[in-house]
N, C-alpha and C. Protein backbone atom coordinates (compact mmCIF):
# COMPACT_ATOMS: atom_id res chain seq x y z
N MET A 1 13.58 18.46 5.39
CA MET A 1 14.12 18.36 6.72
C MET A 1 15.02 17.14 6.78
N THR A 2 16.18 17.29 7.33
CA THR A 2 17.07 16.15 7.49
C THR A 2 17.59 16.11 8.92
N THR A 3 17.07 15.20 9.69
CA THR A 3 17.49 15.00 11.07
C THR A 3 17.87 13.53 11.22
N ARG A 4 19.05 13.29 11.69
CA ARG A 4 19.47 11.90 11.92
C ARG A 4 18.78 11.39 13.17
N ALA A 5 18.55 10.08 13.21
CA ALA A 5 17.86 9.48 14.34
C ALA A 5 18.64 9.63 15.63
N ASP A 6 19.97 9.77 15.57
CA ASP A 6 20.76 9.86 16.79
C ASP A 6 21.03 11.30 17.20
N GLU A 7 20.43 12.26 16.51
CA GLU A 7 20.62 13.67 16.86
C GLU A 7 19.30 14.26 17.33
N PRO A 8 19.34 15.15 18.33
CA PRO A 8 18.10 15.83 18.72
C PRO A 8 17.58 16.66 17.55
N SER A 9 16.30 16.83 17.49
CA SER A 9 15.69 17.59 16.40
C SER A 9 15.10 18.88 16.94
N SER A 10 15.15 19.93 16.13
CA SER A 10 14.48 21.17 16.49
C SER A 10 13.03 21.14 16.04
N GLU A 11 12.63 20.13 15.27
CA GLU A 11 11.27 19.98 14.77
C GLU A 11 10.37 19.52 15.92
N PRO A 12 9.22 20.17 16.15
CA PRO A 12 8.33 19.71 17.21
C PRO A 12 7.88 18.28 16.94
N GLY A 13 7.91 17.46 17.97
CA GLY A 13 7.45 16.08 17.84
C GLY A 13 8.51 15.11 17.40
N LEU A 14 9.66 15.59 16.93
CA LEU A 14 10.73 14.67 16.52
C LEU A 14 11.80 14.66 17.59
N ASP A 15 11.76 13.68 18.45
CA ASP A 15 12.75 13.57 19.50
C ASP A 15 13.81 12.58 19.10
N ARG A 16 14.86 12.52 19.90
CA ARG A 16 15.95 11.59 19.67
C ARG A 16 15.42 10.19 19.39
N GLY A 17 15.89 9.59 18.30
CA GLY A 17 15.53 8.22 17.96
C GLY A 17 14.24 8.06 17.18
N HIS A 18 13.45 9.11 17.03
CA HIS A 18 12.20 9.00 16.28
C HIS A 18 12.42 9.48 14.86
N ARG A 19 11.82 8.77 13.92
CA ARG A 19 12.03 9.11 12.52
C ARG A 19 10.76 9.61 11.83
N CYS A 20 9.59 9.27 12.32
CA CYS A 20 8.35 9.68 11.65
C CYS A 20 7.42 10.40 12.61
N VAL A 21 6.73 11.37 12.09
CA VAL A 21 5.71 12.07 12.86
C VAL A 21 4.48 12.20 11.98
N VAL A 22 3.35 11.79 12.51
CA VAL A 22 2.08 12.00 11.81
C VAL A 22 1.54 13.33 12.30
N THR A 23 1.25 14.23 11.39
CA THR A 23 0.88 15.58 11.81
C THR A 23 -0.52 15.66 12.40
N SER A 24 -1.53 15.14 11.75
CA SER A 24 -2.88 15.25 12.33
C SER A 24 -3.87 14.30 11.69
N LEU A 25 -3.50 13.07 11.48
CA LEU A 25 -4.46 12.10 10.97
C LEU A 25 -5.30 11.61 12.14
N VAL A 26 -6.52 12.07 12.21
CA VAL A 26 -7.36 11.69 13.34
C VAL A 26 -8.72 11.25 12.83
N MET A 27 -9.30 10.29 13.53
CA MET A 27 -10.67 9.91 13.23
C MET A 27 -11.56 11.03 13.74
N GLY A 28 -12.65 11.28 13.07
CA GLY A 28 -13.57 12.30 13.51
C GLY A 28 -12.96 13.69 13.45
N ASN A 29 -12.34 14.01 12.32
CA ASN A 29 -11.76 15.33 12.11
C ASN A 29 -12.80 16.39 12.48
N GLN A 30 -12.37 17.46 13.13
CA GLN A 30 -13.30 18.50 13.57
C GLN A 30 -13.64 19.45 12.41
N THR A 31 -14.88 19.81 12.32
CA THR A 31 -15.32 20.80 11.34
C THR A 31 -15.16 22.18 11.95
N SER A 32 -15.48 23.22 11.19
CA SER A 32 -15.31 24.59 11.67
C SER A 32 -16.16 24.87 12.92
N ASP A 33 -17.25 24.15 13.11
CA ASP A 33 -18.08 24.36 14.30
C ASP A 33 -17.78 23.34 15.40
N ASN A 34 -16.57 22.74 15.34
CA ASN A 34 -16.07 21.79 16.34
C ASN A 34 -16.92 20.53 16.47
N GLN A 35 -17.61 20.16 15.41
CA GLN A 35 -18.36 18.91 15.38
C GLN A 35 -17.55 17.88 14.61
N PRO A 36 -17.62 16.59 14.99
CA PRO A 36 -16.88 15.58 14.23
C PRO A 36 -17.31 15.56 12.77
N ASP A 37 -16.35 15.38 11.87
CA ASP A 37 -16.65 15.28 10.45
C ASP A 37 -17.23 13.90 10.20
N SER A 38 -18.50 13.83 9.84
CA SER A 38 -19.19 12.56 9.69
C SER A 38 -18.70 11.76 8.48
N LYS A 39 -17.88 12.37 7.60
CA LYS A 39 -17.34 11.65 6.45
C LYS A 39 -16.26 10.66 6.86
N ILE A 40 -15.62 10.88 8.00
CA ILE A 40 -14.54 10.00 8.45
C ILE A 40 -15.10 9.04 9.49
N THR A 41 -15.53 7.89 9.01
CA THR A 41 -16.12 6.90 9.91
C THR A 41 -15.29 5.62 10.00
N THR A 42 -14.30 5.47 9.13
CA THR A 42 -13.44 4.29 9.15
C THR A 42 -12.00 4.70 8.83
N MET A 43 -11.06 3.83 9.14
CA MET A 43 -9.67 4.06 8.76
C MET A 43 -9.54 4.18 7.25
N ALA A 44 -10.33 3.42 6.52
CA ALA A 44 -10.25 3.45 5.06
C ALA A 44 -10.62 4.83 4.50
N LYS A 45 -11.53 5.51 5.16
CA LYS A 45 -11.97 6.83 4.69
C LYS A 45 -11.05 7.95 5.16
N LEU A 46 -10.25 7.69 6.15
CA LEU A 46 -9.43 8.73 6.76
C LEU A 46 -8.54 9.44 5.75
N THR A 47 -7.73 8.69 5.01
CA THR A 47 -6.82 9.33 4.06
C THR A 47 -7.58 9.94 2.88
N ARG A 48 -8.65 9.29 2.45
CA ARG A 48 -9.42 9.79 1.30
C ARG A 48 -10.03 11.16 1.61
N VAL A 49 -10.65 11.29 2.77
CA VAL A 49 -11.29 12.56 3.14
C VAL A 49 -10.25 13.66 3.30
N HIS A 50 -9.15 13.36 3.98
CA HIS A 50 -8.10 14.36 4.15
C HIS A 50 -7.46 14.73 2.81
N ALA A 51 -7.28 13.75 1.92
CA ALA A 51 -6.69 14.03 0.61
C ALA A 51 -7.56 14.99 -0.19
N ARG A 52 -8.87 14.83 -0.09
CA ARG A 52 -9.78 15.72 -0.82
C ARG A 52 -9.88 17.09 -0.18
N GLY A 53 -9.83 17.16 1.13
CA GLY A 53 -10.03 18.42 1.82
C GLY A 53 -8.77 19.24 2.01
N ARG A 54 -7.63 18.57 2.08
CA ARG A 54 -6.37 19.27 2.32
C ARG A 54 -5.20 18.49 1.74
N GLY A 55 -5.36 18.04 0.53
CA GLY A 55 -4.39 17.17 -0.12
C GLY A 55 -2.97 17.68 -0.19
N ASP A 56 -2.79 18.98 -0.24
CA ASP A 56 -1.45 19.54 -0.36
C ASP A 56 -0.76 19.75 0.99
N LYS A 57 -1.46 19.51 2.08
CA LYS A 57 -0.88 19.68 3.42
C LYS A 57 -0.07 18.46 3.82
N ILE A 58 0.93 18.66 4.64
CA ILE A 58 1.80 17.56 5.05
C ILE A 58 1.10 16.68 6.08
N ALA A 59 1.10 15.38 5.82
CA ALA A 59 0.50 14.39 6.72
C ALA A 59 1.56 13.72 7.58
N ILE A 60 2.71 13.41 6.99
CA ILE A 60 3.77 12.69 7.70
C ILE A 60 5.11 13.35 7.39
N ILE A 61 5.91 13.51 8.42
CA ILE A 61 7.27 14.00 8.26
C ILE A 61 8.21 12.88 8.66
N SER A 62 9.19 12.62 7.81
CA SER A 62 10.20 11.59 8.09
C SER A 62 11.57 12.17 7.78
N ASN A 63 12.60 11.56 8.33
CA ASN A 63 13.96 12.01 7.99
C ASN A 63 14.16 12.03 6.48
N GLU A 64 13.65 11.03 5.82
CA GLU A 64 13.89 10.89 4.39
C GLU A 64 13.02 11.80 3.53
N ARG A 65 11.80 12.09 3.99
CA ARG A 65 10.89 12.85 3.14
C ARG A 65 9.66 13.30 3.92
N THR A 66 8.86 14.12 3.25
CA THR A 66 7.54 14.47 3.77
C THR A 66 6.51 13.91 2.82
N VAL A 67 5.34 13.63 3.33
CA VAL A 67 4.26 13.06 2.53
C VAL A 67 3.00 13.88 2.78
N THR A 68 2.38 14.32 1.70
CA THR A 68 1.12 15.06 1.82
C THR A 68 -0.03 14.08 1.98
N TYR A 69 -1.18 14.61 2.34
CA TYR A 69 -2.37 13.76 2.47
C TYR A 69 -2.73 13.12 1.13
N ALA A 70 -2.60 13.87 0.03
CA ALA A 70 -2.90 13.31 -1.29
C ALA A 70 -1.92 12.19 -1.64
N GLU A 71 -0.64 12.39 -1.33
CA GLU A 71 0.36 11.34 -1.61
C GLU A 71 0.12 10.12 -0.73
N LEU A 72 -0.23 10.34 0.53
CA LEU A 72 -0.50 9.22 1.44
C LEU A 72 -1.69 8.41 0.94
N ASP A 73 -2.75 9.07 0.51
CA ASP A 73 -3.92 8.36 0.01
C ASP A 73 -3.60 7.60 -1.27
N ALA A 74 -2.86 8.23 -2.18
CA ALA A 74 -2.50 7.57 -3.44
C ALA A 74 -1.64 6.33 -3.17
N GLU A 75 -0.68 6.46 -2.26
CA GLU A 75 0.19 5.32 -1.93
C GLU A 75 -0.61 4.22 -1.23
N ALA A 76 -1.53 4.60 -0.35
CA ALA A 76 -2.37 3.61 0.32
C ALA A 76 -3.24 2.86 -0.70
N CYS A 77 -3.71 3.56 -1.72
CA CYS A 77 -4.48 2.89 -2.79
C CYS A 77 -3.61 1.91 -3.56
N ARG A 78 -2.36 2.30 -3.86
CA ARG A 78 -1.44 1.38 -4.55
C ARG A 78 -1.17 0.15 -3.69
N VAL A 79 -0.98 0.35 -2.39
CA VAL A 79 -0.76 -0.77 -1.48
C VAL A 79 -2.00 -1.67 -1.45
N ALA A 80 -3.18 -1.07 -1.37
CA ALA A 80 -4.41 -1.86 -1.36
C ALA A 80 -4.53 -2.69 -2.63
N ASN A 81 -4.22 -2.11 -3.77
CA ASN A 81 -4.28 -2.85 -5.03
C ASN A 81 -3.27 -3.99 -5.06
N ALA A 82 -2.05 -3.73 -4.55
CA ALA A 82 -1.02 -4.78 -4.51
C ALA A 82 -1.42 -5.90 -3.56
N LEU A 83 -1.97 -5.55 -2.41
CA LEU A 83 -2.42 -6.57 -1.46
C LEU A 83 -3.55 -7.41 -2.06
N ALA A 84 -4.50 -6.74 -2.71
CA ALA A 84 -5.62 -7.45 -3.33
C ALA A 84 -5.12 -8.39 -4.43
N ALA A 85 -4.16 -7.93 -5.22
CA ALA A 85 -3.60 -8.76 -6.28
C ALA A 85 -2.86 -9.98 -5.71
N SER A 86 -2.42 -9.85 -4.46
CA SER A 86 -1.72 -10.96 -3.79
C SER A 86 -2.69 -11.87 -3.05
N GLY A 87 -3.97 -11.57 -3.13
CA GLY A 87 -4.97 -12.43 -2.51
C GLY A 87 -5.45 -11.99 -1.14
N VAL A 88 -5.00 -10.84 -0.66
CA VAL A 88 -5.45 -10.33 0.64
C VAL A 88 -6.84 -9.75 0.49
N GLY A 89 -7.71 -10.08 1.43
CA GLY A 89 -9.08 -9.57 1.37
C GLY A 89 -9.59 -9.20 2.74
N SER A 90 -10.87 -8.94 2.81
CA SER A 90 -11.52 -8.52 4.05
C SER A 90 -11.28 -9.53 5.17
N GLY A 91 -10.85 -9.02 6.31
CA GLY A 91 -10.63 -9.87 7.47
C GLY A 91 -9.28 -10.56 7.52
N ASP A 92 -8.53 -10.55 6.41
CA ASP A 92 -7.20 -11.16 6.41
C ASP A 92 -6.26 -10.34 7.27
N ARG A 93 -5.25 -11.00 7.80
CA ARG A 93 -4.25 -10.32 8.63
C ARG A 93 -3.01 -10.03 7.80
N VAL A 94 -2.47 -8.83 7.98
CA VAL A 94 -1.26 -8.40 7.27
C VAL A 94 -0.26 -7.95 8.32
N GLY A 95 0.95 -8.49 8.25
CA GLY A 95 1.99 -8.11 9.21
C GLY A 95 3.03 -7.21 8.57
N PHE A 96 3.65 -6.40 9.41
CA PHE A 96 4.68 -5.48 8.95
C PHE A 96 5.65 -5.26 10.09
N VAL A 97 6.92 -5.51 9.84
CA VAL A 97 7.93 -5.32 10.89
C VAL A 97 8.90 -4.24 10.43
N ALA A 98 8.86 -3.13 11.09
CA ALA A 98 9.78 -2.02 10.83
C ALA A 98 9.61 -1.03 11.97
N LYS A 99 10.45 -0.04 11.99
CA LYS A 99 10.39 0.95 13.06
C LYS A 99 10.42 2.36 12.47
N ASN A 100 9.38 3.12 12.79
CA ASN A 100 9.34 4.54 12.45
C ASN A 100 9.60 4.84 10.98
N VAL A 101 8.80 4.23 10.11
CA VAL A 101 8.93 4.47 8.68
C VAL A 101 7.56 4.82 8.10
N ILE A 102 7.58 5.59 7.04
CA ILE A 102 6.35 6.02 6.37
C ILE A 102 5.56 4.82 5.86
N GLU A 103 6.26 3.79 5.41
CA GLU A 103 5.59 2.63 4.84
C GLU A 103 4.63 1.95 5.82
N TYR A 104 4.87 2.09 7.11
CA TYR A 104 3.93 1.55 8.10
C TYR A 104 2.55 2.15 7.88
N PHE A 105 2.50 3.45 7.69
CA PHE A 105 1.23 4.15 7.52
C PHE A 105 0.58 3.82 6.18
N THR A 106 1.38 3.73 5.12
CA THR A 106 0.79 3.39 3.82
C THR A 106 0.24 1.97 3.84
N LEU A 107 0.91 1.06 4.53
CA LEU A 107 0.40 -0.31 4.64
C LEU A 107 -0.86 -0.33 5.50
N THR A 108 -0.84 0.34 6.62
CA THR A 108 -2.00 0.35 7.52
C THR A 108 -3.24 0.90 6.81
N PHE A 109 -3.09 2.03 6.13
CA PHE A 109 -4.25 2.62 5.45
C PHE A 109 -4.61 1.83 4.21
N GLY A 110 -3.63 1.27 3.52
CA GLY A 110 -3.93 0.41 2.36
C GLY A 110 -4.69 -0.84 2.76
N ALA A 111 -4.26 -1.48 3.83
CA ALA A 111 -4.97 -2.67 4.32
C ALA A 111 -6.38 -2.31 4.78
N ALA A 112 -6.51 -1.14 5.39
CA ALA A 112 -7.85 -0.70 5.84
C ALA A 112 -8.79 -0.53 4.65
N LYS A 113 -8.27 -0.12 3.52
CA LYS A 113 -9.11 0.04 2.32
C LYS A 113 -9.69 -1.31 1.86
N LEU A 114 -9.01 -2.41 2.25
CA LEU A 114 -9.51 -3.75 1.93
C LEU A 114 -10.25 -4.37 3.10
N ASN A 115 -10.32 -3.66 4.21
CA ASN A 115 -10.88 -4.17 5.45
C ASN A 115 -10.05 -5.33 5.99
N ALA A 116 -8.75 -5.31 5.69
CA ALA A 116 -7.82 -6.29 6.25
C ALA A 116 -7.30 -5.74 7.58
N VAL A 117 -6.76 -6.61 8.39
CA VAL A 117 -6.30 -6.26 9.72
C VAL A 117 -4.78 -6.17 9.74
N THR A 118 -4.24 -5.06 10.26
CA THR A 118 -2.78 -4.95 10.39
C THR A 118 -2.39 -5.11 11.83
């Protein structure tokens, strides 16, 4: 999908000026009997559980690319490893300044894997 930020999009959820859409990353994913999925109890587990259960499904749509749940989890793990190698640990604060980019989500979930705060 290629939609410029200054053009209206025919894609649901992508309005003028927006570049990223998260399709359905939610805490407490519903099971077939409409009960919360007890495996998703933290932000850190969110991408891991979705990657295992529906890894090939699209998690994020951006002008530049789409990212599956498996790709999002793998990238979040790489970010977590890079943050840890830089000395970031549990309770540390991590800042990120950007607008409507996939990297916001990979940083947020990567930091969550370390129990760092974004």
